[in-house]
C-alpha atoms as a PDB file:
ATOM      1  CA  MET A   1      49.031  52.629 157.944  1.00  0.00           C
ATOM      2  CA  ILE A   2      52.360  53.326 156.252  1.00  0.00           C
ATOM      3  CA  LEU A   3      52.608  56.723 157.928  1.00  0.00           C
ATOM      4  CA  ALA A   4      51.898  55.086 161.282  1.00  0.00           C
ATOM      5  CA  VAL A   5      54.693  52.538 160.773  1.00  0.00           C
ATOM      6  CA  LEU A   6      57.126  55.266 159.657  1.00  0.00           C
ATOM      7  CA  SER A   7      56.175  57.408 162.655  1.00  0.00           C
ATOM      8  CA  LEU A   8      56.738  54.483 165.017  1.00  0.00           C
ATOM      9  CA  ALA A   9      60.121  53.812 163.394  1.00  0.00           C
ATOM     10  CA  LEU A  10      61.150  57.432 163.909  1.00  0.00           C
ATOM     11  CA  VAL A  11      59.961  57.433 167.530  1.00  0.00           C
ATOM     12  CA  LYS A  12      61.859  54.218 168.306  1.00  0.00           C
ATOM     13  CA  ALA A  13      64.965  55.253 166.369  1.00  0.00           C
ATOM     14  CA  ARG A  14      67.057  55.839 169.494  1.00  0.00           C
ATOM     15  CA  ARG A  15      66.078  52.551 171.095  1.00  0.00           C
ATOM     16  CA  TRP A  16      66.149  50.387 167.957  1.00  0.00           C
ATOM     17  CA  PRO A  17      68.283  52.332 165.469  1.00  0.00           C
ATOM     18  CA  LEU A  18      68.985  49.414 163.093  1.00  0.00           C
ATOM     19  CA  ILE A  19      65.354  48.243 162.889  1.00  0.00           C
ATOM     20  CA  SER A  20      64.129  51.820 162.471  1.00  0.00           C
ATOM     21  CA  TYR A  21      66.619  52.375 159.681  1.00  0.00           C
ATOM     22  CA  CYS A  22      65.479  49.188 157.892  1.00  0.00           C
ATOM     23  CA  VAL A  23      61.814  50.224 158.084  1.00  0.00           C
ATOM     24  CA  ILE A  24      62.504  53.763 156.845  1.00  0.00           C
ATOM     25  CA  PHE A  25      64.792  52.444 154.081  1.00  0.00           C
ATOM     26  CA  PHE A  26      62.078  50.019 152.882  1.00  0.00           C
ATOM     27  CA  PHE A  27      59.237  52.555 152.682  1.00  0.00           C
ATOM     28  CA  LEU A  28      61.219  55.538 151.391  1.00  0.00           C
ATOM     29  CA  ASN A  29      62.741  53.461 148.574  1.00  0.00           C
ATOM     30  CA  HIS A  30      59.320  52.139 147.664  1.00  0.00           C
ATOM     31  CA  ALA A  31      58.099  55.713 147.453  1.00  0.00           C
ATOM     32  CA  ILE A  32      60.483  56.062 144.485  1.00  0.00           C
ATOM     33  CA  GLU A  33      60.615  52.567 142.989  1.00  0.00           C
ATOM     34  CA  ALA A  34      56.870  51.815 143.143  1.00  0.00           C
ATOM     35  CA  SER A  35      55.380  55.281 143.195  1.00  0.00           C
ATOM     36  CA  PHE A  36      51.904  56.065 141.909  1.00  0.00           C
ATOM     37  CA  ILE A  37      53.657  58.762 139.838  1.00  0.00           C
ATOM     38  CA  SER A  38      54.349  57.602 136.273  1.00  0.00           C
ATOM     39  CA  LEU A  39      58.128  57.228 136.362  1.00  0.00           C
ATOM     40  CA  ASP A  40      58.313  54.303 133.905  1.00  0.00           C
ATOM     41  CA  ILE A  41      60.553  52.336 136.274  1.00  0.00           C
ATOM     42  CA  ILE A  42      57.877  49.890 137.410  1.00  0.00           C
ATOM     43  CA  TYR A  43      59.583  46.781 136.089  1.00  0.00           C
ATOM     44  CA  GLU A  44      60.247  43.444 137.771  1.00  0.00           C
ATOM     45  CA  HIS A  45      63.249  44.826 139.692  1.00  0.00           C
ATOM     46  CA  ARG A  46      61.248  47.533 141.491  1.00  0.00           C
ATOM     47  CA  ASN A  47      61.205  45.666 144.834  1.00  0.00           C
ATOM     48  CA  TYR A  48      64.834  44.550 144.854  1.00  0.00           C
ATOM     49  CA  LEU A  49      66.537  47.621 146.291  1.00  0.00           C
ATOM     50  CA  PRO A  50      63.787  48.503 148.836  1.00  0.00           C
ATOM     51  CA  SER A  51      63.754  44.892 150.066  1.00  0.00           C
ATOM     52  CA  MET A  52      67.523  44.781 150.612  1.00  0.00           C
ATOM     53  CA  LEU A  53      67.140  45.404 154.363  1.00  0.00           C
ATOM     54  CA  PHE A  54      63.672  43.856 154.705  1.00  0.00           C
ATOM     55  CA  PHE A  55      65.050  40.596 156.129  1.00  0.00           C
ATOM     56  CA  VAL A  56      67.315  42.168 158.734  1.00  0.00           C
ATOM     57  CA  PRO A  57      64.505  42.725 161.304  1.00  0.00           C
ATOM     58  CA  ILE A  58      63.160  39.218 160.533  1.00  0.00           C
ATOM     59  CA  SER A  59      66.595  37.745 161.206  1.00  0.00           C
ATOM     60  CA  LEU A  60      66.883  39.687 164.474  1.00  0.00           C
ATOM     61  CA  PHE A  61      63.421  38.436 165.451  1.00  0.00           C
ATOM     62  CA  PHE A  62      64.470  34.795 164.962  1.00  0.00           C
ATOM     63  CA  ILE A  63      67.705  35.359 166.890  1.00  0.00           C
ATOM     64  CA  GLU A  64      65.716  36.833 169.771  1.00  0.00           C
ATOM     65  CA  LEU A  65      63.339  33.853 169.743  1.00  0.00           C
ATOM     66  CA  LEU A  66      66.254  31.421 169.884  1.00  0.00           C
ATOM     67  CA  LYS A  67      67.659  33.348 172.866  1.00  0.00           C
ATOM     68  CA  ARG A  68      64.297  33.298 174.634  1.00  0.00           C
ATOM     69  CA  PHE A  69      63.934  29.532 174.256  1.00  0.00           C
ATOM     70  CA  GLU A  70      67.602  28.711 174.716  1.00  0.00           C
ATOM     71  CA  HIS A  71      66.843  26.237 177.499  1.00  0.00           C
ATOM     72  CA  ARG A  72      63.714  24.735 175.934  1.00  0.00           C
ATOM     73  CA  LEU A  73      65.071  22.284 173.409  1.00  0.00           C
ATOM     74  CA  ALA A  74      61.760  21.406 171.720  1.00  0.00           C
ATOM     75  CA  PHE A  75      60.825  25.044 171.022  1.00  0.00           C
ATOM     76  CA  ARG A  76      64.340  25.918 169.912  1.00  0.00           C
ATOM     77  CA  ASN A  77      64.406  23.003 167.459  1.00  0.00           C
ATOM     78  CA  PHE A  78      60.962  24.003 166.165  1.00  0.00           C
ATOM     79  CA  PHE A  79      62.094  27.555 165.451  1.00  0.00           C
ATOM     80  CA  MET A  80      65.325  26.357 163.844  1.00  0.00           C
ATOM     81  CA  LEU A  81      63.323  23.994 161.626  1.00  0.00           C
ATOM     82  CA  ALA A  82      60.910  26.820 160.727  1.00  0.00           C
ATOM     83  CA  LEU A  83      63.812  29.123 159.852  1.00  0.00           C
ATOM     84  CA  THR A  84      65.486  26.418 157.739  1.00  0.00           C
ATOM     85  CA  LEU A  85      62.235  25.785 155.847  1.00  0.00           C
ATOM     86  CA  LEU A  86      61.763  29.529 155.311  1.00  0.00           C
ATOM     87  CA  ILE A  87      65.272  29.874 153.844  1.00  0.00           C
ATOM     88  CA  MET A  88      64.696  26.831 151.606  1.00  0.00           C
ATOM     89  CA  LEU A  89      61.358  28.241 150.455  1.00  0.00           C
ATOM     90  CA  HIS A  90      62.972  31.564 149.539  1.00  0.00           C
ATOM     91  CA  GLY A  91      65.759  29.715 147.732  1.00  0.00           C
ATOM     92  CA  ILE A  92      63.211  27.823 145.638  1.00  0.00           C
ATOM     93  CA  THR A  93      61.227  30.975 144.816  1.00  0.00           C
ATOM     94  CA  VAL A  94      64.435  32.815 143.828  1.00  0.00           C
ATOM     95  CA  TYR A  95      65.396  29.904 141.549  1.00  0.00           C
ATOM     96  CA  ILE A  96      61.944  29.956 139.922  1.00  0.00           C
ATOM     97  CA  GLN A  97      62.034  33.738 139.633  1.00  0.00           C
ATOM     98  CA  ASN A  98      65.469  33.663 138.019  1.00  0.00           C
ATOM     99  CA  ASN A  99      63.998  31.706 135.090  1.00  0.00           C
ATOM    100  CA  ILE A 100      62.328  34.962 134.102  1.00  0.00           C
ATOM    101  CA  TRP A 101      65.784  36.547 133.717  1.00  0.00           C
ATOM    102  CA  LYS A 102      67.282  33.811 131.531  1.00  0.00           C
ATOM    103  CA  ASN A 103      66.992  35.960 128.374  1.00  0.00           C
ATOM    104  CA  GLY A 104      65.487  39.180 127.069  1.00  0.00           C
ATOM    105  CA  LEU A 105      62.363  37.485 125.724  1.00  0.00           C
ATOM    106  CA  SER A 106      61.434  35.841 129.018  1.00  0.00           C
ATOM    107  CA  LEU A 107      62.222  38.992 131.017  1.00  0.00           C
ATOM    108  CA  TRP A 108      60.250  41.469 128.929  1.00  0.00           C
ATOM    109  CA  SER A 109      57.379  39.060 128.242  1.00  0.00           C
ATOM    110  CA  ASP A 110      56.948  38.755 131.992  1.00  0.00           C
ATOM    111  CA  ASN A 111      57.112  42.544 132.397  1.00  0.00           C
ATOM    112  CA  VAL A 112      54.461  43.060 129.709  1.00  0.00           C
ATOM    113  CA  ASP A 113      52.208  40.447 131.340  1.00  0.00           C
ATOM    114  CA  LYS A 114      52.511  42.190 134.700  1.00  0.00           C
ATOM    115  CA  ALA A 115      52.394  45.792 133.440  1.00  0.00           C
ATOM    116  CA  PRO A 116      50.717  45.821 129.996  1.00  0.00           C
ATOM    117  CA  GLY A 117      50.313  49.587 130.113  1.00  0.00           C
ATOM    118  CA  VAL A 118      54.041  50.309 130.457  1.00  0.00           C
ATOM    119  CA  GLN A 119      55.141  51.056 126.912  1.00  0.00           C
ATOM    120  CA  HIS A 120      58.891  50.888 127.595  1.00  0.00           C
ATOM    121  CA  ALA A 121      58.422  47.217 128.488  1.00  0.00           C
ATOM    122  CA  ARG A 122      56.642  46.560 125.176  1.00  0.00           C
ATOM    123  CA  ILE A 123      59.357  48.389 123.231  1.00  0.00           C
ATOM    124  CA  ASN A 124      62.043  46.328 124.980  1.00  0.00           C
ATOM    125  CA  LEU A 125      60.069  43.142 124.250  1.00  0.00           C
ATOM    126  CA  ALA A 126      59.915  44.156 120.580  1.00  0.00           C
ATOM    127  CA  THR A 127      63.698  44.657 120.630  1.00  0.00           C
ATOM    128  CA  ALA A 128      64.119  41.159 122.095  1.00  0.00           C
ATOM    129  CA  TYR A 129      61.888  39.739 119.342  1.00  0.00           C
ATOM    130  CA  MET A 130      64.011  41.531 116.725  1.00  0.00           C
ATOM    131  CA  ASN A 131      67.227  40.133 118.187  1.00  0.00           C
ATOM    132  CA  ASP A 132      65.643  36.680 117.970  1.00  0.00           C
ATOM    133  CA  GLY A 133      64.659  37.212 114.331  1.00  0.00           C
ATOM    134  CA  ARG A 134      60.920  37.272 115.111  1.00  0.00           C
ATOM    135  CA  PHE A 135      60.123  40.404 113.144  1.00  0.00           C
ATOM    136  CA  GLN A 136      56.370  39.900 112.865  1.00  0.00           C
ATOM    137  CA  ASP A 137      56.060  39.547 116.648  1.00  0.00           C
ATOM    138  CA  ALA A 138      58.200  42.678 117.063  1.00  0.00           C
ATOM    139  CA  LEU A 139      55.984  44.621 114.639  1.00  0.00           C
ATOM    140  CA  ALA A 140      52.861  43.454 116.484  1.00  0.00           C
ATOM    141  CA  GLU A 141      54.212  44.767 119.809  1.00  0.00           C
ATOM    142  CA  LEU A 142      55.318  48.059 118.269  1.00  0.00           C
ATOM    143  CA  SER A 143      51.906  48.513 116.640  1.00  0.00           C
ATOM    144  CA  LYS A 144      50.312  48.159 120.075  1.00  0.00           C
ATOM    145  CA  VAL A 145      52.695  50.788 121.452  1.00  0.00           C
ATOM    146  CA  LEU A 146      51.896  53.262 118.681  1.00  0.00           C
ATOM    147  CA  ALA A 147      48.149  52.599 118.997  1.00  0.00           C
ATOM    148  CA  SER A 148      48.232  53.335 122.728  1.00  0.00           C
ATOM    149  CA  LEU A 149      50.336  56.481 122.195  1.00  0.00           C
ATOM    150  CA  ALA A 150      48.268  57.795 119.271  1.00  0.00           C
ATOM    151  CA  SER A 151      46.121  60.080 121.431  1.00  0.00           C
ATOM    152  CA  ASN A 152      48.879  61.059 123.856  1.00  0.00           C
ATOM    153  CA  THR A 153      50.746  64.341 123.977  1.00  0.00           C
ATOM    154  CA  SER A 154      54.300  65.069 122.874  1.00  0.00           C
ATOM    155  CA  ALA A 155      55.452  64.037 126.357  1.00  0.00           C
ATOM    156  CA  ASP A 156      55.711  60.547 124.871  1.00  0.00           C
ATOM    157  CA  SER A 157      57.762  61.669 121.881  1.00  0.00           C
ATOM    158  CA  ASP A 158      60.747  59.531 122.904  1.00  0.00           C
ATOM    159  CA  LYS A 159      58.597  56.372 123.007  1.00  0.00           C
ATOM    160  CA  LYS A 160      57.005  57.211 119.670  1.00  0.00           C
ATOM    161  CA  ALA A 161      60.446  57.815 118.157  1.00  0.00           C
ATOM    162  CA  ARG A 162      61.771  54.504 119.486  1.00  0.00           C
ATOM    163  CA  ALA A 163      58.723  52.580 118.286  1.00  0.00           C
ATOM    164  CA  HIS A 164      58.852  54.080 114.786  1.00  0.00           C
ATOM    165  CA  GLY A 165      62.617  53.623 114.637  1.00  0.00           C
ATOM    166  CA  LEU A 166      62.402  49.941 115.580  1.00  0.00           C
ATOM    167  CA  MET A 167      59.620  49.384 113.052  1.00  0.00           C
ATOM    168  CA  GLY A 168      61.851  51.003 110.466  1.00  0.00           C
ATOM    169  CA  GLU A 169      64.659  48.605 111.410  1.00  0.00           C
ATOM    170  CA  CYS A 170      62.313  45.608 111.124  1.00  0.00           C
ATOM    171  CA  PHE A 171      61.239  46.618 107.630  1.00  0.00           C
ATOM    172  CA  TYR A 172      64.816  47.551 106.617  1.00  0.00           C
ATOM    173  CA  ILE A 173      66.173  44.141 107.615  1.00  0.00           C
ATOM    174  CA  GLN A 174      63.324  42.456 105.727  1.00  0.00           C
ATOM    175  CA  GLY A 175      64.029  44.557 102.625  1.00  0.00           C
ATOM    176  CA  ASP A 176      60.808  46.590 102.672  1.00  0.00           C
ATOM    177  CA  PHE A 177      62.546  49.933 102.175  1.00  0.00           C
ATOM    178  CA  ASP A 178      59.405  51.982 101.483  1.00  0.00           C
ATOM    179  CA  LYS A 179      57.903  51.169 104.885  1.00  0.00           C
ATOM    180  CA  ALA A 180      61.310  51.527 106.515  1.00  0.00           C
ATOM    181  CA  LEU A 181      61.678  55.048 105.108  1.00  0.00           C
ATOM    182  CA  MET A 182      58.230  56.019 106.325  1.00  0.00           C
ATOM    183  CA  HIS A 183      58.974  54.933 109.899  1.00  0.00           C
ATOM    184  CA  TYR A 184      62.484  56.434 109.946  1.00  0.00           C
ATOM    185  CA  ARG A 185      61.030  59.778 108.924  1.00  0.00           C
ATOM    186  CA  GLU A 186      58.320  59.525 111.557  1.00  0.00           C
ATOM    187  CA  SER A 187      60.947  58.763 114.209  1.00  0.00           C
ATOM    188  CA  ILE A 188      63.015  61.785 113.190  1.00  0.00           C
ATOM    189  CA  LYS A 189      59.942  64.021 113.540  1.00  0.00           C
ATOM    190  CA  TYR A 190      59.849  63.239 117.251  1.00  0.00           C
ATOM    191  CA  VAL A 191      63.606  63.035 117.908  1.00  0.00           C
ATOM    192  CA  PRO A 192      65.500  65.044 115.247  1.00  0.00           C
ATOM    193  CA  ASN A 193      68.954  63.953 116.471  1.00  0.00           C
ATOM    194  CA  SER A 194      68.455  60.273 115.511  1.00  0.00           C
ATOM    195  CA  HIS A 195      71.680  60.031 113.517  1.00  0.00           C
ATOM    196  CA  GLN A 196      71.335  56.290 112.872  1.00  0.00           C
ATOM    197  CA  PHE A 197      68.051  56.827 111.044  1.00  0.00           C
ATOM    198  CA  TYR A 198      69.499  59.595 108.873  1.00  0.00           C
ATOM    199  CA  TYR A 199      72.191  57.064 107.960  1.00  0.00           C
ATOM    200  CA  ARG A 200      69.598  54.426 107.068  1.00  0.00           C
ATOM    201  CA  ILE A 201      67.715  56.935 104.926  1.00  0.00           C
ATOM    202  CA  ALA A 202      70.955  57.883 103.177  1.00  0.00           C
ATOM    203  CA  GLU A 203      71.765  54.233 102.469  1.00  0.00           C
ATOM    204  CA  ILE A 204      68.301  53.552 101.037  1.00  0.00           C
ATOM    205  CA  MET A 205      68.434  56.671  98.864  1.00  0.00           C
ATOM    206  CA  ARG A 206      71.996  55.888  97.755  1.00  0.00           C
ATOM    207  CA  GLN A 207      70.923  52.452  96.562  1.00  0.00           C
ATOM    208  CA  ARG A 208      68.053  54.105  94.704  1.00  0.00           C
ATOM    209  CA  GLU A 209      70.303  55.959  92.324  1.00  0.00           C
ATOM    210  CA  ALA A 210      67.547  58.394  91.326  1.00  0.00           C
ATOM    211  CA  PHE A 211      67.802  60.165  94.709  1.00  0.00           C
ATOM    212  CA  PRO A 212      71.490  61.116  95.222  1.00  0.00           C
ATOM    213  CA  LEU A 213      70.659  64.561  96.613  1.00  0.00           C
ATOM    214  CA  ALA A 214      68.283  63.120  99.209  1.00  0.00           C
ATOM    215  CA  ALA A 215      70.964  60.599 100.212  1.00  0.00           C
ATOM    216  CA  GLU A 216      73.608  63.315 100.535  1.00  0.00           C
ATOM    217  CA  ASP A 217      71.278  65.533 102.542  1.00  0.00           C
ATOM    218  CA  ALA A 218      70.534  62.696 104.982  1.00  0.00           C
ATOM    219  CA  ILE A 219      74.161  61.664 105.529  1.00  0.00           C
ATOM    220  CA  LYS A 220      75.191  65.301 106.003  1.00  0.00           C
ATOM    221  CA  LYS A 221      72.724  65.434 108.892  1.00  0.00           C
ATOM    222  CA  ALA A 222      73.957  62.168 110.386  1.00  0.00           C
ATOM    223  CA  ILE A 223      77.690  62.955 110.449  1.00  0.00           C
ATOM    224  CA  PRO A 224      77.570  66.130 112.599  1.00  0.00           C
ATOM    225  CA  LEU A 225      75.384  64.301 115.102  1.00  0.00           C
ATOM    226  CA  LYS A 226      77.786  61.333 115.346  1.00  0.00           C
ATOM    227  CA  ASN A 227      81.054  61.885 113.535  1.00  0.00           C
ATOM    228  CA  ASP A 228      82.935  58.891 114.970  1.00  0.00           C
ATOM    229  CA  VAL A 229      81.129  56.186 112.971  1.00  0.00           C
ATOM    230  CA  ALA A 230      83.217  54.932 110.050  1.00  0.00           C
ATOM    231  CA  ASN A 231      80.230  53.752 107.998  1.00  0.00           C
ATOM    232  CA  TYR A 232      78.746  57.242 107.930  1.00  0.00           C
ATOM    233  CA  HIS A 233      81.900  58.630 106.319  1.00  0.00           C
ATOM    234  CA  LEU A 234      82.070  55.705 103.885  1.00  0.00           C
ATOM    235  CA  THR A 235      78.497  56.306 102.741  1.00  0.00           C
ATOM    236  CA  TYR A 236      79.304  59.978 102.189  1.00  0.00           C
ATOM    237  CA  SER A 237      82.485  59.047 100.284  1.00  0.00           C
ATOM    238  CA  ARG A 238      80.491  56.772  97.950  1.00  0.00           C
ATOM    239  CA  LEU A 239      78.106  59.637  97.186  1.00  0.00           C
ATOM    240  CA  LEU A 240      81.014  62.014  96.568  1.00  0.00           C
ATOM    241  CA  LEU A 241      82.654  59.448  94.306  1.00  0.00           C
ATOM    242  CA  LYS A 242      79.520  59.309  92.151  1.00  0.00           C
ATOM    243  CA  LYS A 243      79.753  63.097  91.821  1.00  0.00           C
ATOM    244  CA  LYS A 244      83.437  62.657  90.858  1.00  0.00           C
ATOM    245  CA  SER A 245      84.468  64.731  93.885  1.00  0.00           C
ATOM    246  CA  THR A 246      87.468  62.515  94.468  1.00  0.00           C
ATOM    247  CA  ASN A 247      89.383  64.843  96.784  1.00  0.00           C
ATOM    248  CA  LEU A 248      86.450  65.134  99.182  1.00  0.00           C
ATOM    249  CA  ALA A 249      85.789  61.402  98.881  1.00  0.00           C
ATOM    250  CA  LYS A 250      89.414  60.656  99.834  1.00  0.00           C
ATOM    251  CA  LYS A 251      89.090  62.887 102.866  1.00  0.00           C
ATOM    252  CA  GLU A 252      86.038  60.941 104.070  1.00  0.00           C
ATOM    253  CA  VAL A 253      87.724  57.581 103.466  1.00  0.00           C
ATOM    254  CA  LYS A 254      90.776  58.690 105.460  1.00  0.00           C
ATOM    255  CA  ILE A 255      88.520  59.653 108.372  1.00  0.00           C
ATOM    256  CA  ALA A 256      86.828  56.241 108.127  1.00  0.00           C
ATOM    257  CA  LEU A 257      90.221  54.498 108.191  1.00  0.00           C
ATOM    258  CA  MET A 258      91.280  56.455 111.282  1.00  0.00           C
ATOM    259  CA  LEU A 259      88.089  55.242 112.968  1.00  0.00           C
ATOM    260  CA  ASN A 260      88.355  51.680 111.645  1.00  0.00           C
ATOM    261  CA  PRO A 261      91.780  50.781 110.182  1.00  0.00           C
ATOM    262  CA  ASP A 262      90.569  47.280 109.201  1.00  0.00           C
ATOM    263  CA  SER A 263      87.646  48.464 107.093  1.00  0.00           C
ATOM    264  CA  VAL A 264      87.573  46.447 103.866  1.00  0.00           C
ATOM    265  CA  ASP A 265      85.055  48.840 102.299  1.00  0.00           C
ATOM    266  CA  ALA A 266      87.314  51.827 102.934  1.00  0.00           C
ATOM    267  CA  TYR A 267      90.142  50.257 100.900  1.00  0.00           C
ATOM    268  CA  LYS A 268      87.720  49.206  98.158  1.00  0.00           C
ATOM    269  CA  ILE A 269      86.401  52.759  97.891  1.00  0.00           C
ATOM    270  CA  MET A 270      89.946  54.123  97.876  1.00  0.00           C
ATOM    271  CA  ALA A 271      90.747  51.761  94.990  1.00  0.00           C
ATOM    272  CA  GLU A 272      87.721  53.119  93.099  1.00  0.00           C
ATOM    273  CA  ILE A 273      88.875  56.682  93.754  1.00  0.00           C
ATOM    274  CA  MET A 274      92.325  55.878  92.364  1.00  0.00           C
ATOM    275  CA  LYS A 275      90.740  54.312  89.278  1.00  0.00           C
ATOM    276  CA  GLN A 276      88.662  57.420  88.738  1.00  0.00           C
ATOM    277  CA  GLU A 277      91.826  59.523  89.012  1.00  0.00           C
ATOM    278  CA  ARG A 278      93.528  57.074  86.588  1.00  0.00           C
ATOM    279  CA  ARG A 279      96.194  56.145  89.085  1.00  0.00           C
ATOM    280  CA  ASP A 280      96.138  52.459  88.241  1.00  0.00           C
ATOM    281  CA  LEU A 281      99.090  51.314  90.356  1.00  0.00           C
ATOM    282  CA  LEU A 282      97.596  52.844  93.497  1.00  0.00           C
ATOM    283  CA  ALA A 283      94.202  51.407  92.589  1.00  0.00           C
ATOM    284  CA  GLU A 284      95.742  47.915  92.411  1.00  0.00           C
ATOM    285  CA  HIS A 285      97.589  48.531  95.678  1.00  0.00           C
ATOM    286  CA  PHE A 286      94.418  49.427  97.590  1.00  0.00           C
ATOM    287  CA  ALA A 287      92.495  46.571  95.949  1.00  0.00           C
ATOM    288  CA  ARG A 288      95.157  44.121  97.199  1.00  0.00           C
ATOM    289  CA  ILE A 289      94.945  45.544 100.726  1.00  0.00           C
ATOM    290  CA  ALA A 290      91.137  45.196 100.619  1.00  0.00           C
ATOM    291  CA  LEU A 291      91.463  41.563  99.513  1.00  0.00           C
ATOM    292  CA  MET A 292      94.019  40.833 102.243  1.00  0.00           C
ATOM    293  CA  LYS A 293      91.816  42.438 104.929  1.00  0.00           C
ATOM    294  CA  GLU A 294      88.823  40.487 103.647  1.00  0.00           C
ATOM    295  CA  ARG A 295      90.686  37.200 103.932  1.00  0.00           C
ATOM    296  CA  GLN A 296      91.834  38.056 107.459  1.00  0.00           C
ATOM    297  CA  GLN A 297      88.238  38.565 108.511  1.00  0.00           C
END
């Protein structure tokens, strides 16, 4: 049926170029946006672009009808009324549909209801739950994602990494660092360049003072992957300070200050470095700057 319509559109292209173009545009875009191939783009917006020119032939049809019945007032008024009602109906449906887009929770809940097998939608819904502080709901969605991906091949490694990473974030925010570590490590197995999870691991290990080497190893992996994040350099400087490597610690703090000149932590760490070097006046100076920056924030 679709091939027949496309063939007709191509045949009539010279006679009705605009209508033919609209028909071809609609079906060819749907071949991409709503393909049977698993492209993971089958969300609520899949019909928007293909349908952009869908109403052009309908509008031309109504214009032609009005021309045909130009001298028959009753028919012309009937068609005008029908067109007005159609536009009003579409306006109402668009208004109702837009309620789905009012926030991330409503959008991705609707996507999951319509396409429960699309794991990206579930991961995005979990992210929306996290942003709303609903961590248990987020964990429930992520557990479903991981359960459905358990028997799949490494082709889904990105989804597995995202799911584990988000679970790690949920547990980290809630203070369950053991579970957070487990999921961060699982995420890194699938996507080794996840610098933010190396940073989280480093922070957890740094706070557990018995594992300074593990913390240093993790932050050394994070920084080369993303060297323009001030917090990464500050974490490394804290670890260096504990080792009494003050020169290297200063270097990291200076990098952090170049990236974020208003960092209160950077000045606090610099004050600690000066104390360790027994440069008390400079230590007081940096402590005052840290206090001033803190008050400004």
